[in-house]
Amino acid sequence: MRDIMRSLLSANLTITGIIMFIGSLVTFFGSTFLITATNLGKRLGFLVVGAGTFGWCIINSILFVLYAPRGPKPAEIEGLNAFEIRILPLTFLVGSTILFVMFVLALNRYEQEKAEAENTSD
């Protein structure tokens, strides 16, 4: 079985990379969600993990835009200037910001619904 898995994973490095990427996402976000869901509940745990994840993505993309690339200067990379290198992280920053705001608004709505439910039960 071990040899079969080795031959399958070493046959195509693209497939291996995709499997490793998906596995790391499931492990990282799944374990974080599992811990918060046991303490906060499924819905609130999902919202907290989502807001935290996309907040973390915003910080990482800002740092990448400001300080990357380390290594060859942008003028030395053939065909790309300093702005073109940062287009991908800027798009990631915009997408992460939108999703972060959506999760924060959903958290706000969740807390308002909880407060309304408590007020009506009194």
C-alpha atoms as a PDB file:
ATOM      1  CA  MET A   1       0.000   0.000   0.000  1.00  0.00           C
ATOM      2  CA  ARG A   2       2.843   2.347   0.856  1.00  0.00           C
ATOM      3  CA  ASP A   3       4.501   1.784  -2.510  1.00  0.00           C
ATOM      4  CA  ILE A   4       1.241   2.371  -4.357  1.00  0.00           C
ATOM      5  CA  MET A   5       0.730   5.725  -2.614  1.00  0.00           C
ATOM      6  CA  ARG A   6       4.319   6.748  -3.322  1.00  0.00           C
ATOM      7  CA  SER A   7       4.016   5.904  -7.001  1.00  0.00           C
ATOM      8  CA  LEU A   8       0.680   7.739  -7.300  1.00  0.00           C
ATOM      9  CA  LEU A   9       1.917  10.885  -5.563  1.00  0.00           C
ATOM     10  CA  SER A  10       5.286  10.997  -7.321  1.00  0.00           C
ATOM     11  CA  ALA A  11       3.764  10.432 -10.768  1.00  0.00           C
ATOM     12  CA  ASN A  12       2.382  13.947 -11.114  1.00  0.00           C
ATOM     13  CA  LEU A  13       3.666  16.770  -8.951  1.00  0.00           C
ATOM     14  CA  THR A  14       0.726  19.027  -9.817  1.00  0.00           C
ATOM     15  CA  ILE A  15      -1.760  16.511  -8.451  1.00  0.00           C
ATOM     16  CA  THR A  16       0.420  16.008  -5.380  1.00  0.00           C
ATOM     17  CA  GLY A  17       0.515  19.773  -4.783  1.00  0.00           C
ATOM     18  CA  ILE A  18      -3.244  20.096  -5.125  1.00  0.00           C
ATOM     19  CA  ILE A  19      -3.856  17.206  -2.715  1.00  0.00           C
ATOM     20  CA  MET A  20      -1.390  18.657  -0.195  1.00  0.00           C
ATOM     21  CA  PHE A  21      -2.971  22.127  -0.487  1.00  0.00           C
ATOM     22  CA  ILE A  22      -6.509  20.845   0.050  1.00  0.00           C
ATOM     23  CA  GLY A  23      -5.336  18.650   2.923  1.00  0.00           C
ATOM     24  CA  SER A  24      -3.606  21.554   4.633  1.00  0.00           C
ATOM     25  CA  LEU A  25      -6.686  23.774   4.269  1.00  0.00           C
ATOM     26  CA  VAL A  26      -8.958  21.095   5.690  1.00  0.00           C
ATOM     27  CA  THR A  27      -6.568  20.443   8.570  1.00  0.00           C
ATOM     28  CA  PHE A  28      -5.942  24.093   9.460  1.00  0.00           C
ATOM     29  CA  PHE A  29      -9.438  25.503   9.104  1.00  0.00           C
ATOM     30  CA  GLY A  30     -11.195  22.311  10.126  1.00  0.00           C
ATOM     31  CA  SER A  31      -9.315  22.003  13.408  1.00  0.00           C
ATOM     32  CA  THR A  32      -9.832  25.679  14.176  1.00  0.00           C
ATOM     33  CA  PHE A  33     -13.539  25.374  13.416  1.00  0.00           C
ATOM     34  CA  LEU A  34     -13.829  22.208  15.486  1.00  0.00           C
ATOM     35  CA  ILE A  35     -12.328  23.868  18.551  1.00  0.00           C
ATOM     36  CA  THR A  36     -14.435  27.024  18.277  1.00  0.00           C
ATOM     37  CA  ALA A  37     -17.605  25.093  17.436  1.00  0.00           C
ATOM     38  CA  THR A  38     -17.310  23.054  20.620  1.00  0.00           C
ATOM     39  CA  ASN A  39     -17.100  26.225  22.690  1.00  0.00           C
ATOM     40  CA  LEU A  40     -19.338  28.650  20.770  1.00  0.00           C
ATOM     41  CA  GLY A  41     -21.711  26.483  18.753  1.00  0.00           C
ATOM     42  CA  LYS A  42     -21.703  25.690  15.038  1.00  0.00           C
ATOM     43  CA  ARG A  43     -23.063  28.947  13.674  1.00  0.00           C
ATOM     44  CA  LEU A  44     -21.104  31.357  15.866  1.00  0.00           C
ATOM     45  CA  GLY A  45     -17.980  29.195  15.551  1.00  0.00           C
ATOM     46  CA  PHE A  46     -18.204  29.353  11.757  1.00  0.00           C
ATOM     47  CA  LEU A  47     -18.617  33.126  11.799  1.00  0.00           C
ATOM     48  CA  VAL A  48     -15.705  33.634  14.212  1.00  0.00           C
ATOM     49  CA  VAL A  49     -13.385  31.344  12.239  1.00  0.00           C
ATOM     50  CA  GLY A  50     -14.375  33.032   8.959  1.00  0.00           C
ATOM     51  CA  ALA A  51     -13.790  36.546  10.303  1.00  0.00           C
ATOM     52  CA  GLY A  52     -10.484  35.512  11.869  1.00  0.00           C
ATOM     53  CA  THR A  53      -9.284  33.728   8.730  1.00  0.00           C
ATOM     54  CA  PHE A  54     -10.032  36.565   6.369  1.00  0.00           C
ATOM     55  CA  GLY A  55      -8.634  39.123   8.816  1.00  0.00           C
ATOM     56  CA  TRP A  56      -5.434  37.086   8.825  1.00  0.00           C
ATOM     57  CA  CYS A  57      -5.489  37.006   4.988  1.00  0.00           C
ATOM     58  CA  ILE A  58      -5.819  40.817   4.912  1.00  0.00           C
ATOM     59  CA  ILE A  59      -2.771  41.243   7.146  1.00  0.00           C
ATOM     60  CA  ASN A  60      -0.713  38.776   5.098  1.00  0.00           C
ATOM     61  CA  SER A  61      -1.593  40.380   1.773  1.00  0.00           C
ATOM     62  CA  ILE A  62      -0.799  43.872   3.099  1.00  0.00           C
ATOM     63  CA  LEU A  63       2.592  42.633   4.253  1.00  0.00           C
ATOM     64  CA  PHE A  64       3.223  40.982   0.888  1.00  0.00           C
ATOM     65  CA  VAL A  65       2.295  44.129  -1.016  1.00  0.00           C
ATOM     66  CA  LEU A  66       4.575  46.246   1.163  1.00  0.00           C
ATOM     67  CA  TYR A  67       7.626  44.018   1.505  1.00  0.00           C
ATOM     68  CA  ALA A  68       7.673  41.550  -1.391  1.00  0.00           C
ATOM     69  CA  PRO A  69       9.456  40.313  -3.340  1.00  0.00           C
ATOM     70  CA  ARG A  70      12.593  39.661  -1.371  1.00  0.00           C
ATOM     71  CA  GLY A  71      15.259  38.530  -3.741  1.00  0.00           C
ATOM     72  CA  PRO A  72      15.586  39.934  -7.241  1.00  0.00           C
ATOM     73  CA  LYS A  73      14.462  43.520  -7.576  1.00  0.00           C
ATOM     74  CA  PRO A  74      11.259  43.971  -9.617  1.00  0.00           C
ATOM     75  CA  ALA A  75      13.253  45.709 -12.354  1.00  0.00           C
ATOM     76  CA  GLU A  76      15.327  42.528 -12.785  1.00  0.00           C
ATOM     77  CA  ILE A  77      12.349  40.247 -13.380  1.00  0.00           C
ATOM     78  CA  GLU A  78      11.890  40.146 -17.111  1.00  0.00           C
ATOM     79  CA  GLY A  79       8.695  41.754 -18.324  1.00  0.00           C
ATOM     80  CA  LEU A  80       7.287  42.701 -14.897  1.00  0.00           C
ATOM     81  CA  ASN A  81       7.523  45.996 -13.090  1.00  0.00           C
ATOM     82  CA  ALA A  82       6.957  46.611  -9.382  1.00  0.00           C
ATOM     83  CA  PHE A  83       3.190  47.098  -9.757  1.00  0.00           C
ATOM     84  CA  GLU A  84       2.618  44.041 -11.944  1.00  0.00           C
ATOM     85  CA  ILE A  85       4.239  41.803  -9.346  1.00  0.00           C
ATOM     86  CA  ARG A  86       1.774  43.049  -6.738  1.00  0.00           C
ATOM     87  CA  ILE A  87      -1.429  42.670  -8.800  1.00  0.00           C
ATOM     88  CA  LEU A  88      -2.179  39.187  -7.432  1.00  0.00           C
ATOM     89  CA  PRO A  89      -1.728  40.106  -3.750  1.00  0.00           C
ATOM     90  CA  LEU A  90      -3.764  43.283  -4.288  1.00  0.00           C
ATOM     91  CA  THR A  91      -6.625  41.215  -5.704  1.00  0.00           C
ATOM     92  CA  PHE A  92      -6.317  38.836  -2.763  1.00  0.00           C
ATOM     93  CA  LEU A  93      -6.415  41.847  -0.428  1.00  0.00           C
ATOM     94  CA  VAL A  94      -9.624  43.149  -2.011  1.00  0.00           C
ATOM     95  CA  GLY A  95     -11.298  39.727  -1.936  1.00  0.00           C
ATOM     96  CA  SER A  96     -10.264  39.067   1.661  1.00  0.00           C
ATOM     97  CA  THR A  97     -11.477  42.493   2.729  1.00  0.00           C
ATOM     98  CA  ILE A  98     -14.891  41.908   1.159  1.00  0.00           C
ATOM     99  CA  LEU A  99     -15.243  38.510   2.816  1.00  0.00           C
ATOM    100  CA  PHE A 100     -14.013  39.857   6.169  1.00  0.00           C
ATOM    101  CA  VAL A 101     -16.618  42.632   6.089  1.00  0.00           C
ATOM    102  CA  MET A 102     -19.309  40.086   5.189  1.00  0.00           C
ATOM    103  CA  PHE A 103     -18.373  37.876   8.153  1.00  0.00           C
ATOM    104  CA  VAL A 104     -18.270  40.832  10.548  1.00  0.00           C
ATOM    105  CA  LEU A 105     -21.706  41.975   9.360  1.00  0.00           C
ATOM    106  CA  ALA A 106     -23.020  38.437   9.788  1.00  0.00           C
ATOM    107  CA  LEU A 107     -21.597  38.373  13.327  1.00  0.00           C
ATOM    108  CA  ASN A 108     -23.322  41.670  14.056  1.00  0.00           C
ATOM    109  CA  ARG A 109     -26.627  40.347  12.720  1.00  0.00           C
ATOM    110  CA  TYR A 110     -26.227  37.148  14.772  1.00  0.00           C
ATOM    111  CA  GLU A 111     -25.703  39.147  17.964  1.00  0.00           C
ATOM    112  CA  GLN A 112     -28.703  41.379  17.192  1.00  0.00           C
ATOM    113  CA  GLU A 113     -30.901  38.310  16.672  1.00  0.00           C
ATOM    114  CA  LYS A 114     -29.673  36.871  19.983  1.00  0.00           C
ATOM    115  CA  ALA A 115     -30.430  40.145  21.782  1.00  0.00           C
ATOM    116  CA  GLU A 116     -33.912  40.347  20.228  1.00  0.00           C
ATOM    117  CA  ALA A 117     -34.618  36.747  21.215  1.00  0.00           C
ATOM    118  CA  GLU A 118     -33.573  37.466  24.801  1.00  0.00           C
ATOM    119  CA  ASN A 119     -35.712  40.626  24.926  1.00  0.00           C
ATOM    120  CA  THR A 120     -38.820  38.864  23.655  1.00  0.00           C
ATOM    121  CA  SER A 121     -38.431  35.965  26.093  1.00  0.00           C
ATOM    122  CA  ASP A 122     -38.302  38.341  29.100  1.00  0.00           C
END
